[in-house]
Amino acid sequence: MSRSLNKVQLIGNLGADPEVRSTNNGSRVATLSVATSRQWTGNGGEKQEKTEWHRVICWNNKGSGLADIAEKYLKKGDKVYIEGRIEYRTWEDREKQTRYVTEIIARELIMLGSRGGAAPVGAGAVKGASEAGGKAPESLDAFPEALDEEDDDLPF
């Protein structure tokens, strides 16, 4: 049997406060809007920037409580690390139009803000060390360029 991998890692800023709701069966879910940006120099030497917006879904499941954590600790503008999988959904709206959405289903969330330092939250934070053969999960400190403060001019 061949193996496959569906893994997404994002470092970005929240564009709005988390939207938290309860489903019909009582589960809690938080929706985050996360912005990531990249910068480059164009052919004419001018700096250019492109911001991508990602819809991130955080569920309370398997003891992770990601939705509750997002509601309690995250706010617009916060810098976060998200790890999860990508999903594509389609549905038909009231006008019978087919709608499409791309979502990141979070498995791990690390708050990168200044409040108490970077703390991992979620199933992956606990499972990471055991799945890696006892080694600690790779630290973001190994990639200082990923945490550059140049992106702080984002409009939120």
N, C-alpha and C. Protein backbone atom coordinates (compact mmCIF):
# COMPACT_ATOMS: atom_id res chain seq x y z
N MET A 1 0.85 -1.16 0.00
CA MET A 1 0.00 0.00 0.00
C MET A 1 0.90 1.24 0.00
N SER A 2 0.60 2.17 -0.87
CA SER A 2 1.40 3.39 -0.91
C SER A 2 0.90 4.36 0.15
N ARG A 3 1.80 5.15 0.66
CA ARG A 3 1.45 6.14 1.69
C ARG A 3 1.30 7.50 1.04
N SER A 4 0.58 8.36 1.69
CA SER A 4 0.43 9.73 1.20
C SER A 4 0.54 10.66 2.40
N LEU A 5 0.65 11.94 2.12
CA LEU A 5 0.81 12.92 3.18
C LEU A 5 -0.01 14.16 2.86
N ASN A 6 -0.78 14.62 3.81
CA ASN A 6 -1.55 15.85 3.70
C ASN A 6 -1.22 16.64 4.96
N LYS A 7 -0.21 17.52 4.87
CA LYS A 7 0.26 18.27 6.02
C LYS A 7 0.50 19.72 5.62
N VAL A 8 -0.02 20.62 6.44
CA VAL A 8 0.11 22.05 6.20
C VAL A 8 0.73 22.67 7.44
N GLN A 9 1.69 23.57 7.24
CA GLN A 9 2.28 24.35 8.32
C GLN A 9 2.20 25.82 7.94
N LEU A 10 1.65 26.62 8.84
CA LEU A 10 1.50 28.05 8.59
C LEU A 10 2.03 28.84 9.77
N ILE A 11 2.68 29.96 9.51
CA ILE A 11 2.98 30.96 10.52
C ILE A 11 2.39 32.24 9.97
N GLY A 12 1.46 32.82 10.72
CA GLY A 12 0.81 34.03 10.24
C GLY A 12 0.11 34.76 11.36
N ASN A 13 -0.61 35.79 10.98
CA ASN A 13 -1.33 36.63 11.93
C ASN A 13 -2.83 36.47 11.74
N LEU A 14 -3.56 36.53 12.86
CA LEU A 14 -5.02 36.45 12.79
C LEU A 14 -5.57 37.77 12.25
N GLY A 15 -6.45 37.66 11.27
CA GLY A 15 -7.06 38.83 10.68
C GLY A 15 -8.32 39.27 11.40
N ALA A 16 -8.79 38.45 12.32
CA ALA A 16 -10.00 38.75 13.11
C ALA A 16 -9.97 37.89 14.36
N ASP A 17 -10.79 38.25 15.33
CA ASP A 17 -10.93 37.39 16.51
C ASP A 17 -11.51 36.06 16.07
N PRO A 18 -11.18 34.96 16.77
CA PRO A 18 -11.75 33.66 16.42
C PRO A 18 -13.28 33.67 16.49
N GLU A 19 -13.92 32.98 15.54
CA GLU A 19 -15.37 32.80 15.56
C GLU A 19 -15.63 31.41 16.12
N VAL A 20 -16.27 31.35 17.28
CA VAL A 20 -16.50 30.07 17.95
C VAL A 20 -17.99 29.79 17.97
N ARG A 21 -18.35 28.54 17.66
CA ARG A 21 -19.76 28.15 17.69
C ARG A 21 -19.86 26.69 18.13
N SER A 22 -21.07 26.28 18.44
CA SER A 22 -21.35 24.89 18.81
C SER A 22 -22.14 24.25 17.70
N THR A 23 -21.84 22.99 17.42
CA THR A 23 -22.58 22.25 16.40
C THR A 23 -23.85 21.69 17.03
N ASN A 24 -24.70 21.08 16.20
CA ASN A 24 -25.95 20.49 16.69
C ASN A 24 -25.72 19.40 17.71
N ASN A 25 -24.60 18.68 17.61
CA ASN A 25 -24.34 17.59 18.56
C ASN A 25 -23.54 18.06 19.78
N GLY A 26 -23.32 19.39 19.91
CA GLY A 26 -22.66 19.93 21.09
C GLY A 26 -21.16 20.13 20.97
N SER A 27 -20.55 19.75 19.86
CA SER A 27 -19.12 19.97 19.68
C SER A 27 -18.86 21.45 19.48
N ARG A 28 -17.69 21.91 19.93
CA ARG A 28 -17.32 23.31 19.73
C ARG A 28 -16.25 23.39 18.65
N VAL A 29 -16.37 24.44 17.83
CA VAL A 29 -15.44 24.63 16.71
C VAL A 29 -15.13 26.12 16.59
N ALA A 30 -13.85 26.42 16.35
CA ALA A 30 -13.42 27.81 16.15
C ALA A 30 -12.90 27.94 14.73
N THR A 31 -13.26 29.05 14.09
CA THR A 31 -12.78 29.36 12.75
C THR A 31 -11.84 30.56 12.87
N LEU A 32 -10.63 30.38 12.32
CA LEU A 32 -9.62 31.43 12.34
C LEU A 32 -9.35 31.90 10.92
N SER A 33 -9.10 33.18 10.77
CA SER A 33 -8.66 33.74 9.50
C SER A 33 -7.20 34.13 9.67
N VAL A 34 -6.30 33.39 9.01
CA VAL A 34 -4.86 33.58 9.19
C VAL A 34 -4.25 34.12 7.91
N ALA A 35 -3.48 35.19 8.04
CA ALA A 35 -2.80 35.80 6.89
C ALA A 35 -1.33 35.42 6.90
N THR A 36 -0.85 34.99 5.73
CA THR A 36 0.58 34.79 5.53
C THR A 36 1.00 35.69 4.38
N SER A 37 2.21 36.20 4.45
CA SER A 37 2.69 37.11 3.41
C SER A 37 4.05 36.66 2.92
N ARG A 38 4.32 36.98 1.67
CA ARG A 38 5.67 36.78 1.13
C ARG A 38 6.06 38.05 0.41
N GLN A 39 7.34 38.33 0.46
CA GLN A 39 7.87 39.53 -0.18
C GLN A 39 8.95 39.12 -1.16
N TRP A 40 9.08 39.88 -2.24
CA TRP A 40 10.11 39.66 -3.22
C TRP A 40 10.41 40.97 -3.93
N THR A 41 11.52 40.97 -4.65
CA THR A 41 11.89 42.14 -5.43
C THR A 41 11.55 41.87 -6.88
N GLY A 42 10.78 42.78 -7.47
CA GLY A 42 10.34 42.63 -8.86
C GLY A 42 11.48 42.90 -9.83
N ASN A 43 11.21 42.68 -11.11
CA ASN A 43 12.22 42.88 -12.14
C ASN A 43 12.78 44.29 -12.16
N GLY A 44 11.96 45.28 -11.83
CA GLY A 44 12.39 46.67 -11.81
C GLY A 44 13.04 47.09 -10.51
N GLY A 45 13.24 46.14 -9.58
CA GLY A 45 13.88 46.44 -8.31
C GLY A 45 12.91 46.88 -7.22
N GLU A 46 11.62 46.97 -7.55
CA GLU A 46 10.64 47.40 -6.54
C GLU A 46 10.24 46.21 -5.67
N LYS A 47 10.06 46.50 -4.38
CA LYS A 47 9.62 45.46 -3.45
C LYS A 47 8.14 45.17 -3.69
N GLN A 48 7.80 43.91 -3.68
CA GLN A 48 6.42 43.50 -3.85
C GLN A 48 6.04 42.56 -2.71
N GLU A 49 4.74 42.51 -2.43
CA GLU A 49 4.26 41.66 -1.35
C GLU A 49 2.90 41.09 -1.73
N LYS A 50 2.68 39.83 -1.33
CA LYS A 50 1.40 39.18 -1.57
C LYS A 50 0.96 38.53 -0.27
N THR A 51 -0.26 38.81 0.13
CA THR A 51 -0.82 38.22 1.34
C THR A 51 -1.87 37.18 0.94
N GLU A 52 -1.78 36.01 1.54
CA GLU A 52 -2.75 34.94 1.34
C GLU A 52 -3.55 34.78 2.63
N TRP A 53 -4.84 34.55 2.49
CA TRP A 53 -5.72 34.34 3.65
C TRP A 53 -6.11 32.87 3.71
N HIS A 54 -6.01 32.29 4.91
CA HIS A 54 -6.29 30.88 5.12
C HIS A 54 -7.40 30.73 6.16
N ARG A 55 -8.35 29.86 5.85
CA ARG A 55 -9.44 29.55 6.78
C ARG A 55 -8.99 28.33 7.58
N VAL A 56 -8.83 28.51 8.90
CA VAL A 56 -8.34 27.44 9.77
C VAL A 56 -9.47 27.04 10.71
N ILE A 57 -9.71 25.74 10.80
CA ILE A 57 -10.77 25.19 11.65
C ILE A 57 -10.13 24.47 12.83
N CYS A 58 -10.53 24.86 14.05
CA CYS A 58 -10.02 24.25 15.28
C CYS A 58 -11.18 23.58 16.01
N TRP A 59 -11.11 22.27 16.16
CA TRP A 59 -12.16 21.51 16.84
C TRP A 59 -11.75 21.19 18.26
N ASN A 60 -12.72 20.98 19.12
CA ASN A 60 -12.49 20.38 20.44
C ASN A 60 -12.67 18.87 20.23
N ASN A 61 -11.57 18.17 20.08
CA ASN A 61 -11.68 16.72 19.95
C ASN A 61 -10.43 16.04 20.46
N LYS A 62 -10.59 14.79 20.85
CA LYS A 62 -9.49 13.97 21.35
C LYS A 62 -8.71 14.67 22.46
N GLY A 63 -9.42 15.40 23.28
CA GLY A 63 -8.79 16.04 24.43
C GLY A 63 -7.99 17.28 24.11
N SER A 64 -7.99 17.74 22.86
CA SER A 64 -7.15 18.88 22.51
C SER A 64 -7.74 20.21 22.95
N GLY A 65 -9.05 20.38 22.83
CA GLY A 65 -9.69 21.63 23.23
C GLY A 65 -9.22 22.84 22.45
N LEU A 66 -8.85 22.66 21.18
CA LEU A 66 -8.32 23.77 20.39
C LEU A 66 -9.31 24.92 20.24
N ALA A 67 -10.59 24.62 20.08
CA ALA A 67 -11.59 25.68 19.93
C ALA A 67 -11.67 26.53 21.20
N ASP A 68 -11.67 25.89 22.36
CA ASP A 68 -11.72 26.62 23.62
C ASP A 68 -10.47 27.46 23.82
N ILE A 69 -9.31 26.92 23.48
CA ILE A 69 -8.05 27.65 23.61
C ILE A 69 -8.06 28.87 22.70
N ALA A 70 -8.51 28.68 21.45
CA ALA A 70 -8.57 29.81 20.50
C ALA A 70 -9.48 30.90 21.04
N GLU A 71 -10.63 30.51 21.56
CA GLU A 71 -11.59 31.50 22.07
C GLU A 71 -11.02 32.26 23.27
N LYS A 72 -10.32 31.56 24.13
CA LYS A 72 -9.85 32.17 25.38
C LYS A 72 -8.59 33.02 25.20
N TYR A 73 -7.67 32.60 24.32
CA TYR A 73 -6.35 33.22 24.28
C TYR A 73 -6.01 33.99 23.00
N LEU A 74 -6.74 33.77 21.91
CA LEU A 74 -6.35 34.40 20.65
C LEU A 74 -7.23 35.62 20.35
N LYS A 75 -6.61 36.60 19.69
CA LYS A 75 -7.34 37.78 19.25
C LYS A 75 -6.73 38.29 17.95
N LYS A 76 -7.44 39.16 17.30
CA LYS A 76 -7.00 39.74 16.04
C LYS A 76 -5.58 40.28 16.16
N GLY A 77 -4.74 39.96 15.16
CA GLY A 77 -3.37 40.43 15.13
C GLY A 77 -2.36 39.47 15.72
N ASP A 78 -2.80 38.49 16.52
CA ASP A 78 -1.86 37.55 17.14
C ASP A 78 -1.14 36.72 16.10
N LYS A 79 0.14 36.45 16.37
CA LYS A 79 0.94 35.59 15.49
C LYS A 79 0.81 34.16 15.99
N VAL A 80 0.52 33.23 15.07
CA VAL A 80 0.33 31.82 15.43
C VAL A 80 1.05 30.89 14.46
N TYR A 81 1.38 29.72 14.96
CA TYR A 81 1.86 28.60 14.15
C TYR A 81 0.73 27.59 14.13
N ILE A 82 0.34 27.16 12.96
CA ILE A 82 -0.73 26.17 12.80
C ILE A 82 -0.17 24.99 12.03
N GLU A 83 -0.48 23.81 12.50
CA GLU A 83 -0.14 22.59 11.76
C GLU A 83 -1.41 21.77 11.63
N GLY A 84 -1.64 21.25 10.45
CA GLY A 84 -2.84 20.45 10.24
C GLY A 84 -2.89 19.88 8.85
N ARG A 85 -4.10 19.67 8.36
CA ARG A 85 -4.28 19.09 7.02
C ARG A 85 -5.21 20.00 6.22
N ILE A 86 -5.13 19.91 4.91
CA ILE A 86 -5.96 20.72 4.04
C ILE A 86 -7.17 19.90 3.59
N GLU A 87 -8.32 20.54 3.57
CA GLU A 87 -9.55 19.90 3.10
C GLU A 87 -10.27 20.83 2.14
N TYR A 88 -10.91 20.25 1.15
CA TYR A 88 -11.71 20.99 0.18
C TYR A 88 -13.15 20.51 0.32
N ARG A 89 -14.09 21.45 0.42
CA ARG A 89 -15.49 21.10 0.55
C ARG A 89 -16.30 21.84 -0.51
N THR A 90 -17.40 21.22 -0.90
CA THR A 90 -18.36 21.88 -1.79
C THR A 90 -19.75 21.72 -1.17
N TRP A 91 -20.61 22.68 -1.44
CA TRP A 91 -22.00 22.59 -1.02
C TRP A 91 -22.84 23.48 -1.93
N GLU A 92 -24.12 23.29 -1.83
CA GLU A 92 -25.05 24.08 -2.63
C GLU A 92 -25.75 25.08 -1.72
N ASP A 93 -25.70 26.38 -2.10
CA ASP A 93 -26.33 27.41 -1.28
C ASP A 93 -27.83 27.49 -1.57
N ARG A 94 -28.49 28.45 -0.94
CA ARG A 94 -29.96 28.59 -1.07
C ARG A 94 -30.38 28.90 -2.50
N GLU A 95 -29.50 29.55 -3.25
CA GLU A 95 -29.81 29.89 -4.65
C GLU A 95 -29.39 28.77 -5.61
N LYS A 96 -29.08 27.61 -5.06
CA LYS A 96 -28.70 26.43 -5.84
C LYS A 96 -27.35 26.62 -6.57
N GLN A 97 -26.52 27.53 -6.05
CA GLN A 97 -25.18 27.72 -6.61
C GLN A 97 -24.20 26.81 -5.86
N THR A 98 -23.29 26.18 -6.57
CA THR A 98 -22.28 25.35 -5.93
C THR A 98 -21.20 26.25 -5.36
N ARG A 99 -20.89 26.07 -4.09
CA ARG A 99 -19.87 26.85 -3.39
C ARG A 99 -18.70 25.94 -3.05
N TYR A 100 -17.52 26.52 -3.05
CA TYR A 100 -16.29 25.79 -2.76
C TYR A 100 -15.55 26.48 -1.62
N VAL A 101 -14.93 25.72 -0.76
CA VAL A 101 -14.12 26.29 0.31
C VAL A 101 -12.90 25.39 0.54
N THR A 102 -11.77 26.03 0.82
CA THR A 102 -10.55 25.34 1.20
C THR A 102 -10.28 25.67 2.66
N GLU A 103 -10.06 24.63 3.47
CA GLU A 103 -9.87 24.83 4.90
C GLU A 103 -8.65 24.06 5.39
N ILE A 104 -8.02 24.61 6.41
CA ILE A 104 -6.95 23.92 7.12
C ILE A 104 -7.57 23.41 8.41
N ILE A 105 -7.56 22.09 8.62
CA ILE A 105 -8.07 21.50 9.85
C ILE A 105 -6.88 21.39 10.80
N ALA A 106 -6.89 22.21 11.85
CA ALA A 106 -5.75 22.30 12.76
C ALA A 106 -5.61 21.05 13.61
N ARG A 107 -4.38 20.62 13.77
CA ARG A 107 -4.04 19.52 14.67
C ARG A 107 -3.20 20.06 15.82
N GLU A 108 -2.47 21.13 15.54
CA GLU A 108 -1.60 21.74 16.53
C GLU A 108 -1.64 23.25 16.36
N LEU A 109 -1.56 23.95 17.47
CA LEU A 109 -1.58 25.40 17.48
C LEU A 109 -0.53 25.88 18.47
N ILE A 110 0.33 26.78 18.02
CA ILE A 110 1.32 27.38 18.91
C ILE A 110 1.14 28.88 18.85
N MET A 111 0.93 29.47 20.01
CA MET A 111 0.79 30.92 20.10
C MET A 111 2.18 31.53 20.12
N LEU A 112 2.47 32.39 19.15
CA LEU A 112 3.80 32.97 19.03
C LEU A 112 3.86 34.39 19.57
N GLY A 113 2.78 34.86 20.18
CA GLY A 113 2.74 36.21 20.72
C GLY A 113 3.61 36.35 21.94
N SER A 114 3.62 37.54 22.52
CA SER A 114 4.48 37.83 23.66
C SER A 114 3.85 37.44 24.99
N ARG A 115 2.60 37.03 24.99
CA ARG A 115 1.93 36.67 26.25
C ARG A 115 2.37 35.30 26.72
N GLY A 116 3.38 35.24 27.57
CA GLY A 116 3.80 33.97 28.16
C GLY A 116 4.64 33.11 27.26
N GLY A 117 5.09 33.59 26.13
CA GLY A 117 5.95 32.81 25.26
C GLY A 117 5.18 31.89 24.35
N ALA A 118 5.91 31.12 23.57
CA ALA A 118 5.30 30.21 22.60
C ALA A 118 4.99 28.89 23.28
N ALA A 119 3.72 28.53 23.34
CA ALA A 119 3.32 27.29 23.99
C ALA A 119 2.52 26.45 23.02
N PRO A 120 2.94 25.17 22.80
CA PRO A 120 2.17 24.32 21.90
C PRO A 120 0.88 23.86 22.54
N VAL A 121 -0.17 23.76 21.72
CA VAL A 121 -1.47 23.31 22.20
C VAL A 121 -2.01 22.33 21.17
N GLY A 122 -2.58 21.23 21.61
CA GLY A 122 -3.24 20.32 20.70
C GLY A 122 -2.69 18.91 20.77
N ALA A 123 -3.36 18.03 20.05
CA ALA A 123 -2.98 16.62 20.06
C ALA A 123 -1.55 16.44 19.56
N GLY A 124 -1.17 17.18 18.54
CA GLY A 124 0.16 17.06 17.96
C GLY A 124 1.25 17.47 18.91
N ALA A 125 0.98 18.40 19.81
CA ALA A 125 2.00 18.85 20.75
C ALA A 125 2.39 17.72 21.69
N VAL A 126 1.42 16.90 22.05
CA VAL A 126 1.69 15.80 22.95
C VAL A 126 2.22 14.60 22.18
N LYS A 127 1.61 14.29 21.04
CA LYS A 127 2.01 13.12 20.28
C LYS A 127 3.35 13.30 19.58
N GLY A 128 3.74 14.54 19.29
CA GLY A 128 4.93 14.79 18.48
C GLY A 128 6.18 14.11 18.99
N ALA A 129 6.44 14.16 20.29
CA ALA A 129 7.66 13.58 20.83
C ALA A 129 7.65 12.06 20.72
N SER A 130 6.50 11.43 20.98
CA SER A 130 6.47 9.97 20.93
C SER A 130 6.54 9.47 19.49
N GLU A 131 5.93 10.18 18.54
CA GLU A 131 5.96 9.75 17.15
C GLU A 131 7.35 9.92 16.54
N ALA A 132 8.11 10.85 17.08
CA ALA A 132 9.45 11.11 16.53
C ALA A 132 10.49 10.24 17.21
N GLY A 133 10.07 9.14 17.83
CA GLY A 133 11.03 8.24 18.45
C GLY A 133 11.61 8.82 19.72
N GLY A 134 10.84 9.60 20.45
CA GLY A 134 11.33 10.14 21.71
C GLY A 134 12.01 11.48 21.57
N LYS A 135 12.28 11.93 20.35
CA LYS A 135 12.90 13.23 20.17
C LYS A 135 11.85 14.31 20.30
N ALA A 136 12.28 15.47 20.77
CA ALA A 136 11.36 16.61 20.87
C ALA A 136 11.01 17.10 19.48
N PRO A 137 9.83 17.64 19.29
CA PRO A 137 9.48 18.19 17.99
C PRO A 137 10.43 19.31 17.60
N GLU A 138 10.63 19.48 16.31
CA GLU A 138 11.54 20.50 15.81
C GLU A 138 11.07 21.88 16.27
N SER A 139 12.01 22.69 16.74
CA SER A 139 11.68 24.01 17.27
C SER A 139 11.70 25.06 16.18
N LEU A 140 10.82 26.06 16.32
CA LEU A 140 10.83 27.18 15.39
C LEU A 140 12.08 28.03 15.56
N ASP A 141 12.79 27.87 16.70
CA ASP A 141 14.03 28.62 16.91
C ASP A 141 15.08 28.24 15.88
N ALA A 142 14.94 27.06 15.27
CA ALA A 142 15.89 26.63 14.25
C ALA A 142 15.68 27.37 12.93
N PHE A 143 14.56 28.12 12.81
CA PHE A 143 14.25 28.85 11.59
C PHE A 143 13.95 30.31 11.93
N PRO A 144 14.96 31.08 12.35
CA PRO A 144 14.68 32.46 12.77
C PRO A 144 14.08 33.31 11.66
N GLU A 145 14.38 33.00 10.41
CA GLU A 145 13.82 33.80 9.32
C GLU A 145 12.31 33.63 9.22
N ALA A 146 11.77 32.53 9.74
CA ALA A 146 10.33 32.31 9.71
C ALA A 146 9.59 33.25 10.67
N LEU A 147 10.32 33.80 11.62
CA LEU A 147 9.69 34.65 12.62
C LEU A 147 10.10 36.10 12.47
N ASP A 148 10.60 36.48 11.30
CA ASP A 148 11.00 37.86 11.07
C ASP A 148 9.86 38.80 11.38
N GLU A 149 10.18 39.93 11.95
CA GLU A 149 9.17 40.91 12.31
C GLU A 149 8.82 41.83 11.16
N GLU A 150 9.39 41.61 9.95
CA GLU A 150 9.10 42.46 8.81
C GLU A 150 7.63 42.42 8.41
N ASP A 151 6.93 41.36 8.74
CA ASP A 151 5.53 41.23 8.36
C ASP A 151 4.60 42.03 9.28
N ASP A 152 5.16 42.76 10.25
CA ASP A 152 4.33 43.48 11.20
C ASP A 152 3.62 44.69 10.59
N ASP A 153 3.88 44.99 9.32
CA ASP A 153 3.16 46.10 8.70
C ASP A 153 1.85 45.65 8.07
N LEU A 154 1.39 44.44 8.42
CA LEU A 154 0.11 43.96 7.94
C LEU A 154 -1.01 44.82 8.54
N PRO A 155 -2.10 44.99 7.82
CA PRO A 155 -3.14 45.94 8.25
C PRO A 155 -4.06 45.42 9.35
N PHE A 156 -3.55 44.82 10.38
CA PHE A 156 -4.38 44.41 11.51
C PHE A 156 -3.58 44.40 12.78
